[in-house]
Amino acid sequence: MPQYRISFAGREQEAIAIECADVEEARNEAVRRLGTYLADHPGFANEGHWRVEVESEQFEPLLHVIVATVPARSRKDR
């Protein structure tokens, strides 16, 4: 089974090696790990946006899971 690497951009963490059938499964695992991380570190969401990177085992960037927290526009701004 292929190996992929997941890392949180801008975080002082080592990349996590995972085995998945394909890049779609690796993406889903990256989303699950992000959810777990946010549950354990809710202040992380206050930083505005973050990115989880998924790479091949050869360190080739494959995709980014990007999540952003932005203020809602007021009705006056529309």
Protein backbone atom coordinates (compact mmCIF):
# COMPACT_ATOMS: atom_id res chain seq x y z
CA MET A 1 0.00 0.00 0.00
CA PRO A 2 1.39 3.47 -0.87
CA GLN A 3 2.66 5.75 1.86
CA TYR A 4 1.80 9.44 2.12
CA ARG A 5 3.04 12.19 4.41
CA ILE A 6 0.76 14.64 6.20
CA SER A 7 2.10 17.83 7.76
CA PHE A 8 0.54 20.91 9.30
CA ALA A 9 2.03 23.95 7.56
CA GLY A 10 3.55 26.44 10.00
CA ARG A 11 3.46 24.00 12.92
CA GLU A 12 6.46 22.68 14.80
CA GLN A 13 5.52 19.08 14.15
CA GLU A 14 7.10 16.27 12.24
CA ALA A 15 5.28 14.95 9.21
CA ILE A 16 3.09 11.92 9.84
CA ALA A 17 3.57 8.92 7.56
CA ILE A 18 0.36 7.08 6.71
CA GLU A 19 -0.54 4.18 4.43
CA CYS A 20 -3.56 4.71 2.20
CA ALA A 21 -4.91 3.05 -0.91
CA ASP A 22 -4.85 6.30 -2.90
CA VAL A 23 -4.55 10.08 -2.66
CA GLU A 24 -8.31 10.45 -2.01
CA GLU A 25 -8.02 8.26 1.08
CA ALA A 26 -4.93 10.23 2.15
CA ARG A 27 -6.93 13.47 1.81
CA ASN A 28 -9.70 12.06 3.99
CA GLU A 29 -7.16 11.01 6.61
CA ALA A 30 -5.65 14.52 6.55
CA VAL A 31 -9.11 15.99 7.23
CA ARG A 32 -9.68 13.54 10.10
CA ARG A 33 -6.32 14.40 11.65
CA LEU A 34 -7.04 18.11 11.31
CA GLY A 35 -10.37 17.60 13.10
CA THR A 36 -8.63 15.74 15.92
CA TYR A 37 -5.96 18.44 16.17
CA LEU A 38 -8.58 21.21 16.35
CA ALA A 39 -10.53 19.31 19.02
CA ASP A 40 -7.36 19.11 21.13
CA HIS A 41 -6.13 22.66 20.29
CA PRO A 42 -9.20 24.86 19.69
CA GLY A 43 -7.11 28.06 19.89
CA PHE A 44 -5.47 27.01 16.62
CA ALA A 45 -8.66 28.08 14.82
CA ASN A 46 -8.21 31.67 16.07
CA GLU A 47 -5.12 32.06 13.89
CA GLY A 48 -7.31 32.72 10.83
CA HIS A 49 -6.29 30.00 8.38
CA TRP A 50 -4.08 26.97 8.17
CA ARG A 51 -3.05 24.31 5.74
CA VAL A 52 -2.50 20.58 5.95
CA GLU A 53 -0.20 19.30 3.24
CA VAL A 54 -0.31 15.81 1.74
CA GLU A 55 2.82 14.57 -0.02
CA SER A 56 3.87 11.35 -1.70
CA GLU A 57 6.51 9.24 -0.01
CA GLN A 58 8.98 10.89 -2.43
CA PHE A 59 8.05 14.28 -0.85
CA GLU A 60 6.11 15.36 -3.96
CA PRO A 61 3.31 17.79 -2.97
CA LEU A 62 -0.04 16.25 -3.92
CA LEU A 63 -2.67 18.44 -2.31
CA HIS A 64 -3.42 20.96 0.41
CA VAL A 65 -6.37 20.91 2.78
CA ILE A 66 -7.01 24.58 3.51
CA VAL A 67 -9.34 25.84 6.22
CA ALA A 68 -9.97 29.50 6.96
CA THR A 69 -11.80 31.43 9.64
CA VAL A 70 -12.99 34.80 8.36
CA PRO A 71 -15.35 37.36 9.89
CA ALA A 72 -18.82 37.53 8.37
CA ARG A 73 -19.62 40.67 6.42
CA SER A 74 -22.20 42.88 8.01
CA ARG A 75 -25.34 43.73 6.09
CA LYS A 76 -24.06 47.30 5.66
CA ASP A 77 -21.03 45.99 3.74
CA ARG A 78 -23.13 44.23 1.09
